[in-house]
Amino acid sequence: MMNEKEADCCHKKFNHSSGCSFSMFSVYSATAGRYRLLKPWKMMEPTVLSTPVYDSNAFANLYKILDLCKANGLEVIMGLNYLGQGWEPSGITFNTWITDPVQYNAFEAYVKEFLTRISAYSNMVYILFFTEDSQGTLKYWRTEDAKILCARFQPTLGSLPKRLPPNLRLAFRIGYHDNLLINMNSAAGHSPIQSLISFDFLSGVGYVDNRASNSSITNYLATRLSHFTAFYPNTPLTMLGCGASMNPPSGTSGQARVVDYILSYLISKGIGLSLWGWKGFSDNLEQSNANRGGALQT
């Protein structure tokens, strides 16, 4: 997970006549242009407990971004539980917020306020909640820990849409993105999503070793997708985190071959995707840490 500065700055791609500039991560779709926009919780609500403080300037900037997207026929995917060490709102502890009822309830209050404030854009915004960076100190690769995490998420993030006011729930399309528990089947048949599923779509992750053969890539992606369809065969599925892993680095051609095959495979299956590249956050610079995701390449 990137830090706060990286999350909001990345590569600047659009400029508004008002001077508003912003960056987005592209999400491939066969039917529409969709972009993934990162706005950490802290940016929109810097102070949470006691008297919540919302940043009116941050919302004004967001409205400009959404207006510009709308004018260009673009839809937006926005994750709402972006937070990490050093960039969580005041009053929130990044590794315990989901298990502390006071902190978690503050998040649900934020979600309701956020959706209310952007309700005019509900027909062009997809909302996303996700497992990543919400697992605290538990080790998701350990089956018993993964099962505990599923039990932790089901009454919280994994069922959050059920607790929204009916007007907001009906207005927005809401998805759940999982990179750990369903995606890797680390919970051995358990899900972080509470039954009956209250999400409109799901998302997984697939990063492939750049040395992998095409048949290996097929098996890898098919397995990841099957973990979701085994639970939720009738829920639309996307892969909002995929690409070629530079481990070890193989240069542009090695990444391009893998990325090309990933795109071809997922598109052939009707799976929408978000392609993440491995560049640094300064133009034309390779990441010094090859295992960290960078800005979109498309």
Protein backbone atom coordinates (compact mmCIF):
# COMPACT_ATOMS: atom_id res chain seq x y z
CA MET A 1 0.00 0.00 0.00
CA MET A 2 1.42 3.36 -0.98
CA ASN A 3 1.92 6.24 1.39
CA GLU A 4 -0.30 9.32 1.56
CA LYS A 5 1.79 11.50 -0.73
CA GLU A 6 2.09 8.79 -3.35
CA ALA A 7 -1.61 7.96 -3.15
CA ASP A 8 -2.68 11.49 -4.04
CA CYS A 9 0.16 12.63 -6.27
CA CYS A 10 1.41 9.82 -8.55
CA HIS A 11 1.53 10.91 -12.21
CA LYS A 12 -0.55 14.00 -12.99
CA LYS A 13 -2.68 13.31 -16.05
CA PHE A 14 -5.52 15.83 -16.04
CA ASN A 15 -5.77 19.57 -15.47
CA HIS A 16 -8.95 21.50 -14.80
CA SER A 17 -9.44 25.07 -15.96
CA SER A 18 -9.76 26.09 -12.32
CA GLY A 19 -6.20 24.94 -11.67
CA CYS A 20 -7.27 21.62 -10.16
CA SER A 21 -4.87 18.85 -11.17
CA PHE A 22 -5.16 15.22 -10.27
CA SER A 23 -4.02 11.71 -11.06
CA MET A 24 -5.92 8.49 -11.45
CA PHE A 25 -5.29 4.81 -12.01
CA SER A 26 -6.97 3.53 -15.15
CA VAL A 27 -9.30 0.58 -14.99
CA TYR A 28 -9.77 -1.25 -18.27
CA SER A 29 -13.36 -1.89 -19.33
CA ALA A 30 -14.66 -3.23 -22.59
CA THR A 31 -17.75 -1.05 -22.34
CA ALA A 32 -16.74 2.23 -20.70
CA GLY A 33 -13.82 4.32 -19.55
CA ARG A 34 -13.38 3.87 -15.81
CA TYR A 35 -10.70 5.30 -13.56
CA ARG A 36 -9.58 4.45 -10.07
CA LEU A 37 -9.25 7.55 -7.94
CA LEU A 38 -7.43 7.42 -4.62
CA LYS A 39 -8.59 9.72 -1.83
CA PRO A 40 -7.41 8.55 1.61
CA TRP A 41 -9.80 8.85 4.55
CA LYS A 42 -7.45 11.32 6.28
CA MET A 43 -7.55 13.64 3.29
CA MET A 44 -11.32 13.99 3.43
CA GLU A 45 -11.84 13.80 7.22
CA PRO A 46 -8.60 14.76 9.01
CA THR A 47 -10.11 14.60 12.50
CA VAL A 48 -12.53 11.81 13.32
CA LEU A 49 -13.38 11.33 17.00
CA SER A 50 -15.06 13.79 19.39
CA THR A 51 -16.02 16.44 16.81
CA PRO A 52 -15.46 15.15 13.25
CA VAL A 53 -13.81 17.64 10.92
CA TYR A 54 -14.36 17.32 7.17
CA ASP A 55 -12.06 19.15 4.75
CA SER A 56 -14.28 21.35 2.62
CA ASN A 57 -11.41 22.15 0.25
CA ALA A 58 -10.74 18.45 -0.32
CA PHE A 59 -14.39 17.89 -1.22
CA ALA A 60 -14.42 20.95 -3.49
CA ASN A 61 -11.39 19.55 -5.28
CA LEU A 62 -13.09 16.14 -5.55
CA TYR A 63 -16.19 17.71 -7.11
CA LYS A 64 -14.01 19.36 -9.76
CA ILE A 65 -12.39 16.02 -10.53
CA LEU A 66 -15.74 14.27 -10.80
CA ASP A 67 -17.13 17.06 -12.97
CA LEU A 68 -14.17 16.74 -15.32
CA CYS A 69 -14.58 12.97 -15.48
CA LYS A 70 -18.29 13.35 -16.18
CA ALA A 71 -17.62 15.86 -18.95
CA ASN A 72 -15.28 13.35 -20.59
CA GLY A 73 -17.63 10.39 -20.27
CA LEU A 74 -15.57 8.66 -17.57
CA GLU A 75 -16.77 6.66 -14.59
CA VAL A 76 -14.76 6.53 -11.36
CA ILE A 77 -13.91 3.74 -8.92
CA MET A 78 -13.15 5.02 -5.40
CA GLY A 79 -11.90 2.99 -2.45
CA LEU A 80 -12.96 4.44 0.90
CA ASN A 81 -10.83 2.65 3.52
CA TYR A 82 -7.43 3.90 2.39
CA LEU A 83 -5.32 4.43 5.49
CA GLY A 84 -1.94 3.32 6.78
CA GLN A 85 0.68 4.05 9.38
CA GLY A 86 1.35 7.78 9.46
CA TRP A 87 -1.57 8.71 7.26
CA GLU A 88 -4.62 7.71 9.24
CA PRO A 89 -7.05 10.41 10.47
CA SER A 90 -6.51 11.90 13.90
CA GLY A 91 -8.10 9.58 16.46
CA ILE A 92 -7.68 6.45 14.32
CA THR A 93 -5.02 3.76 14.85
CA PHE A 94 -4.20 2.08 11.55
CA ASN A 95 -3.75 -1.48 12.83
CA THR A 96 -6.64 -1.63 15.33
CA TRP A 97 -9.37 0.59 13.88
CA ILE A 98 -11.44 -2.27 12.56
CA THR A 99 -11.54 -4.09 15.92
CA ASP A 100 -12.26 -1.01 18.05
CA PRO A 101 -16.03 -0.37 17.90
CA VAL A 102 -15.61 3.37 18.46
CA GLN A 103 -13.09 3.72 15.64
CA TYR A 104 -14.94 1.41 13.28
CA ASN A 105 -18.26 3.15 13.86
CA ALA A 106 -16.50 6.42 13.06
CA PHE A 107 -15.53 4.91 9.70
CA GLU A 108 -19.10 3.92 8.91
CA ALA A 109 -20.21 7.45 9.83
CA TYR A 110 -17.57 8.78 7.42
CA VAL A 111 -18.82 6.49 4.65
CA LYS A 112 -22.38 7.74 5.08
CA GLU A 113 -21.26 11.37 5.09
CA PHE A 114 -18.95 10.85 2.10
CA LEU A 115 -21.64 9.17 0.02
CA THR A 116 -24.16 11.84 0.97
CA ARG A 117 -21.78 14.56 -0.17
CA ILE A 118 -21.12 12.92 -3.55
CA SER A 119 -24.65 11.60 -4.09
CA ALA A 120 -25.09 13.83 -7.14
CA TYR A 121 -22.45 11.68 -8.86
CA SER A 122 -23.83 8.29 -7.82
CA ASN A 123 -24.54 7.24 -11.40
CA MET A 124 -20.84 7.51 -12.35
CA VAL A 125 -19.04 6.42 -9.17
CA TYR A 126 -18.30 2.86 -8.06
CA ILE A 127 -17.48 2.50 -4.35
CA LEU A 128 -14.92 -0.04 -3.15
CA PHE A 129 -14.04 -1.53 0.24
CA PHE A 130 -11.06 -3.83 0.60
CA THR A 131 -9.22 -6.26 2.84
CA GLU A 132 -5.72 -4.94 2.24
CA ASP A 133 -4.09 -3.10 5.17
CA SER A 134 -7.08 -3.84 7.44
CA GLN A 135 -5.75 -7.12 8.80
CA GLY A 136 -3.85 -5.60 11.75
CA THR A 137 -1.13 -7.82 13.19
CA LEU A 138 -2.64 -11.15 12.12
CA LYS A 139 -0.78 -13.18 9.49
CA TYR A 140 -3.21 -13.79 6.65
CA TRP A 141 -1.15 -16.64 5.19
CA ARG A 142 -1.71 -18.69 8.34
CA THR A 143 -5.01 -20.52 7.94
CA GLU A 144 -6.15 -20.01 11.53
CA ASP A 145 -5.33 -16.29 11.43
CA ALA A 146 -7.10 -15.99 8.08
CA LYS A 147 -10.24 -17.57 9.54
CA ILE A 148 -10.13 -15.07 12.42
CA LEU A 149 -9.85 -12.25 9.90
CA CYS A 150 -12.89 -13.52 8.02
CA ALA A 151 -14.88 -13.55 11.26
CA ARG A 152 -13.63 -10.01 11.95
CA PHE A 153 -14.56 -8.66 8.52
CA GLN A 154 -17.99 -10.25 8.13
CA PRO A 155 -19.82 -7.99 10.63
CA THR A 156 -17.77 -4.93 9.60
CA LEU A 157 -16.45 -4.19 6.08
CA GLY A 158 -17.85 -7.44 4.71
CA SER A 159 -21.44 -6.37 5.34
CA LEU A 160 -21.19 -2.59 5.41
CA PRO A 161 -23.61 -1.94 2.51
CA LYS A 162 -26.42 -3.53 4.54
CA ARG A 163 -26.16 -0.75 7.13
CA LEU A 164 -26.29 2.19 4.74
CA PRO A 165 -29.44 4.29 4.59
CA PRO A 166 -31.67 2.79 1.88
CA ASN A 167 -31.43 5.85 -0.37
CA LEU A 168 -27.62 5.69 -0.41
CA ARG A 169 -27.50 1.93 -0.86
CA LEU A 170 -29.83 2.10 -3.84
CA ALA A 171 -27.94 5.02 -5.38
CA PHE A 172 -24.42 3.55 -5.43
CA ARG A 173 -22.79 0.46 -6.92
CA ILE A 174 -20.55 -0.98 -4.22
CA GLY A 175 -17.83 -3.61 -4.50
CA TYR A 176 -15.44 -5.57 -2.30
CA HIS A 177 -11.78 -6.02 -3.25
CA ASP A 178 -9.89 -8.90 -1.65
CA ASN A 179 -6.22 -9.70 -2.21
CA LEU A 180 -5.72 -12.09 0.69
CA LEU A 181 -8.53 -14.24 2.04
CA ILE A 182 -10.68 -15.25 -0.94
CA ASN A 183 -8.14 -14.36 -3.60
CA MET A 184 -5.44 -16.64 -2.18
CA ASN A 185 -7.85 -19.01 -0.43
CA SER A 186 -5.74 -18.55 2.67
CA ALA A 187 -8.85 -18.91 4.84
CA ALA A 188 -9.47 -22.39 3.41
CA GLY A 189 -13.07 -21.98 2.37
CA HIS A 190 -14.03 -19.06 4.62
CA SER A 191 -14.97 -15.62 3.32
CA PRO A 192 -14.66 -12.10 4.76
CA ILE A 193 -18.03 -11.27 3.18
CA GLN A 194 -21.12 -11.89 5.25
CA SER A 195 -23.97 -13.92 3.76
CA LEU A 196 -26.13 -12.97 2.03
CA ILE A 197 -23.67 -10.98 -0.05
CA SER A 198 -24.54 -7.28 -0.11
CA PHE A 199 -22.01 -6.17 -2.74
CA ASP A 200 -22.73 -5.47 -6.38
CA PHE A 201 -19.35 -6.68 -7.65
CA LEU A 202 -16.13 -8.27 -6.41
CA SER A 203 -12.47 -7.77 -7.22
CA GLY A 204 -9.33 -9.87 -6.92
CA VAL A 205 -5.60 -9.55 -7.53
CA GLY A 206 -3.20 -11.25 -9.93
CA TYR A 207 0.49 -10.32 -10.14
CA VAL A 208 2.49 -12.73 -12.26
CA ASP A 209 6.22 -13.47 -12.21
CA ASN A 210 7.65 -11.96 -15.37
CA ARG A 211 9.41 -15.26 -16.17
CA ALA A 212 6.16 -17.25 -16.17
CA SER A 213 5.09 -19.18 -19.27
CA ASN A 214 1.73 -18.48 -20.86
CA SER A 215 0.31 -21.75 -19.56
CA SER A 216 1.49 -20.88 -16.04
CA ILE A 217 -0.16 -17.47 -16.29
CA THR A 218 -3.41 -19.09 -17.42
CA ASN A 219 -3.38 -21.52 -14.50
CA TYR A 220 -2.50 -18.79 -12.02
CA LEU A 221 -5.25 -16.39 -13.10
CA ALA A 222 -7.85 -19.13 -13.51
CA THR A 223 -7.15 -20.35 -9.99
CA ARG A 224 -7.48 -16.88 -8.48
CA LEU A 225 -10.75 -16.26 -10.31
CA SER A 226 -12.11 -19.68 -9.30
CA HIS A 227 -11.67 -18.84 -5.63
CA PHE A 228 -14.24 -16.06 -6.08
CA THR A 229 -16.66 -17.91 -8.34
CA ALA A 230 -16.73 -20.86 -5.95
CA PHE A 231 -18.26 -18.54 -3.34
CA TYR A 232 -20.16 -16.11 -5.55
CA PRO A 233 -20.89 -17.58 -9.00
CA ASN A 234 -23.50 -14.94 -9.85
CA THR A 235 -21.66 -11.80 -8.70
CA PRO A 236 -19.78 -9.73 -11.33
CA LEU A 237 -16.03 -10.12 -10.93
CA THR A 238 -13.13 -7.79 -11.73
CA MET A 239 -9.40 -7.87 -11.10
CA LEU A 240 -8.52 -4.37 -9.90
CA GLY A 241 -4.90 -5.22 -9.18
CA CYS A 242 -2.87 -7.11 -11.78
CA GLY A 243 0.35 -6.89 -13.72
CA ALA A 244 3.85 -8.27 -14.18
CA SER A 245 5.98 -8.60 -11.07
CA MET A 246 9.59 -7.46 -11.52
CA ASN A 247 11.15 -10.11 -9.33
CA PRO A 248 13.84 -10.34 -10.58
CA PRO A 249 13.82 -7.37 -13.00
CA SER A 250 13.47 -8.47 -16.64
CA GLY A 251 13.29 -5.17 -18.46
CA THR A 252 10.47 -3.72 -20.49
CA SER A 253 10.13 -6.62 -22.93
CA GLY A 254 9.76 -9.19 -20.17
CA GLN A 255 7.03 -7.20 -18.47
CA ALA A 256 5.28 -6.41 -21.74
CA ARG A 257 4.95 -10.07 -22.69
CA VAL A 258 3.34 -10.98 -19.37
CA VAL A 259 1.09 -7.92 -19.31
CA ASP A 260 -0.06 -8.57 -22.88
CA TYR A 261 -1.03 -12.12 -21.98
CA ILE A 262 -2.80 -11.05 -18.77
CA LEU A 263 -4.83 -8.49 -20.70
CA SER A 264 -5.72 -10.98 -23.43
CA TYR A 265 -6.75 -13.66 -20.96
CA LEU A 266 -8.89 -11.47 -18.69
CA ILE A 267 -10.57 -9.65 -21.56
CA SER A 268 -11.41 -13.00 -23.19
CA LYS A 269 -13.15 -13.97 -19.93
CA GLY A 270 -15.06 -10.70 -19.74
CA ILE A 271 -13.15 -9.64 -16.61
CA GLY A 272 -12.61 -5.91 -16.07
CA LEU A 273 -9.17 -5.03 -14.72
CA SER A 274 -6.87 -2.38 -13.33
CA LEU A 275 -3.33 -2.73 -14.63
CA TRP A 276 -0.58 -1.65 -12.26
CA GLY A 277 2.92 -1.03 -13.56
CA TRP A 278 6.29 -0.95 -11.90
CA LYS A 279 7.56 2.56 -12.45
CA GLY A 280 8.50 5.02 -9.75
CA PHE A 281 6.42 8.08 -9.02
CA SER A 282 8.78 10.39 -10.88
CA ASP A 283 8.53 10.24 -14.67
CA ASN A 284 11.02 7.95 -16.42
CA LEU A 285 12.42 6.48 -13.21
CA GLU A 286 12.32 2.78 -12.45
CA GLN A 287 11.33 1.87 -8.92
CA SER A 288 14.40 1.16 -6.83
CA ASN A 289 12.30 -1.34 -4.88
CA ALA A 290 11.12 -3.65 -7.63
CA ASN A 291 8.41 -5.27 -5.51
CA ARG A 292 6.45 -2.08 -4.91
CA GLY A 293 3.63 -1.16 -7.23
CA GLY A 294 3.87 2.08 -9.14
CA ALA A 295 1.66 4.16 -11.34
CA LEU A 296 -0.57 2.80 -14.02
CA GLN A 297 0.88 1.65 -17.31
CA THR A 298 -1.67 1.25 -20.09
